[in-house]
Amino acid sequence: MLVIERFVALDVYRRVLLDLWSSVQEKSATIVDAMQVMNQIRDYIKETIAVAFRDLKAAGTEATDKGVAKLVRDAIARTLEVFEEFAE
């Protein structure tokens, strides 16, 4: 499960990166600032996915294809809400 969790977190981060990177660059004073924002986004996603997988484990359910797909959609939506200032 840990491998799946990490893969999902990386996948979500890459999708969000595609959506937000140019906006983060434009709205940041320097590239260092932009990278700090992206690191914050990465950490947020990592924790969001970890919580979701802990919830699955606590509920005693397995990670199914449909369940993981929903988890990914929810994580992307929440991340874009939290970091909406960078969403175009």
Protein backbone atom coordinates (compact mmCIF):
# COMPACT_ATOMS: atom_id res chain seq x y z
CA MET A 1 0.00 0.00 0.00
CA LEU A 2 2.85 2.39 0.71
CA VAL A 3 4.16 2.01 -2.83
CA ILE A 4 0.71 2.73 -4.26
CA GLU A 5 0.33 5.71 -1.92
CA ARG A 6 3.64 7.22 -3.02
CA PHE A 7 2.92 6.58 -6.69
CA VAL A 8 -0.50 8.23 -6.39
CA ALA A 9 0.97 11.25 -4.58
CA LEU A 10 3.61 11.67 -7.30
CA ASP A 11 1.00 11.28 -10.03
CA VAL A 12 -1.25 13.91 -8.45
CA TYR A 13 1.70 16.27 -8.01
CA ARG A 14 2.71 15.91 -11.66
CA ARG A 15 -0.84 16.63 -12.82
CA VAL A 16 -1.09 19.70 -10.60
CA LEU A 17 2.35 20.80 -11.73
CA LEU A 18 1.13 20.77 -15.33
CA ASP A 19 -1.84 22.94 -14.37
CA LEU A 20 -0.12 25.43 -12.07
CA TRP A 21 3.56 25.72 -12.96
CA SER A 22 3.31 28.59 -15.44
CA SER A 23 0.97 30.53 -13.17
CA VAL A 24 3.23 29.98 -10.15
CA GLN A 25 6.20 31.22 -12.15
CA GLU A 26 4.35 34.33 -13.33
CA LYS A 27 3.08 35.23 -9.86
CA SER A 28 6.36 34.61 -8.04
CA ALA A 29 9.06 37.24 -7.74
CA THR A 30 11.89 34.77 -8.35
CA ILE A 31 12.33 31.19 -9.45
CA VAL A 32 13.32 30.37 -5.86
CA ASP A 33 9.94 31.66 -4.67
CA ALA A 34 8.20 29.61 -7.35
CA MET A 35 10.04 26.47 -6.27
CA GLN A 36 9.10 27.12 -2.63
CA VAL A 37 5.44 27.31 -3.63
CA MET A 38 5.74 24.09 -5.62
CA ASN A 39 7.39 22.43 -2.62
CA GLN A 40 4.47 23.55 -0.46
CA ILE A 41 2.07 22.10 -3.01
CA ARG A 42 4.04 18.84 -3.11
CA ASP A 43 4.01 18.56 0.68
CA TYR A 44 0.28 19.31 0.79
CA ILE A 45 -0.46 16.62 -1.79
CA LYS A 46 1.76 14.10 -0.05
CA GLU A 47 -0.04 14.63 3.25
CA THR A 48 -3.50 14.66 1.64
CA ILE A 49 -2.83 11.32 -0.04
CA ALA A 50 -1.33 9.86 3.13
CA VAL A 51 -4.45 10.82 5.10
CA ALA A 52 -6.71 9.31 2.44
CA PHE A 53 -4.80 6.01 2.51
CA ARG A 54 -4.83 5.97 6.33
CA ASP A 55 -8.58 6.45 6.18
CA LEU A 56 -8.88 3.53 3.76
CA LYS A 57 -6.82 1.35 6.06
CA ALA A 58 -8.80 2.41 9.14
CA ALA A 59 -12.05 1.57 7.35
CA GLY A 60 -10.65 -1.84 6.46
CA THR A 61 -11.13 -1.32 2.73
CA GLU A 62 -8.71 -2.06 -0.07
CA ALA A 63 -7.48 0.38 -2.68
CA THR A 64 -9.53 -0.50 -5.76
CA ASP A 65 -9.09 1.06 -9.19
CA LYS A 66 -12.26 3.12 -8.82
CA GLY A 67 -11.40 4.10 -5.24
CA VAL A 68 -7.93 5.29 -6.18
CA ALA A 69 -9.27 7.17 -9.21
CA LYS A 70 -11.76 8.99 -6.97
CA LEU A 71 -9.02 9.69 -4.44
CA VAL A 72 -6.89 11.23 -7.21
CA ARG A 73 -9.75 13.39 -8.49
CA ASP A 74 -10.54 14.57 -4.95
CA ALA A 75 -6.89 15.33 -4.17
CA ILE A 76 -6.49 17.36 -7.36
CA ALA A 77 -9.69 19.30 -6.68
CA ARG A 78 -8.72 20.04 -3.06
CA THR A 79 -5.22 21.10 -4.06
CA LEU A 80 -6.55 23.48 -6.70
CA GLU A 81 -8.96 24.92 -4.13
CA VAL A 82 -6.25 25.45 -1.52
CA PHE A 83 -3.85 26.98 -4.02
CA GLU A 84 -6.54 28.77 -6.02
CA GLU A 85 -4.52 31.98 -6.18
CA PHE A 86 -2.32 30.19 -8.73
CA ALA A 87 -5.12 28.56 -10.69
CA GLU A 88 -5.89 30.38 -13.91
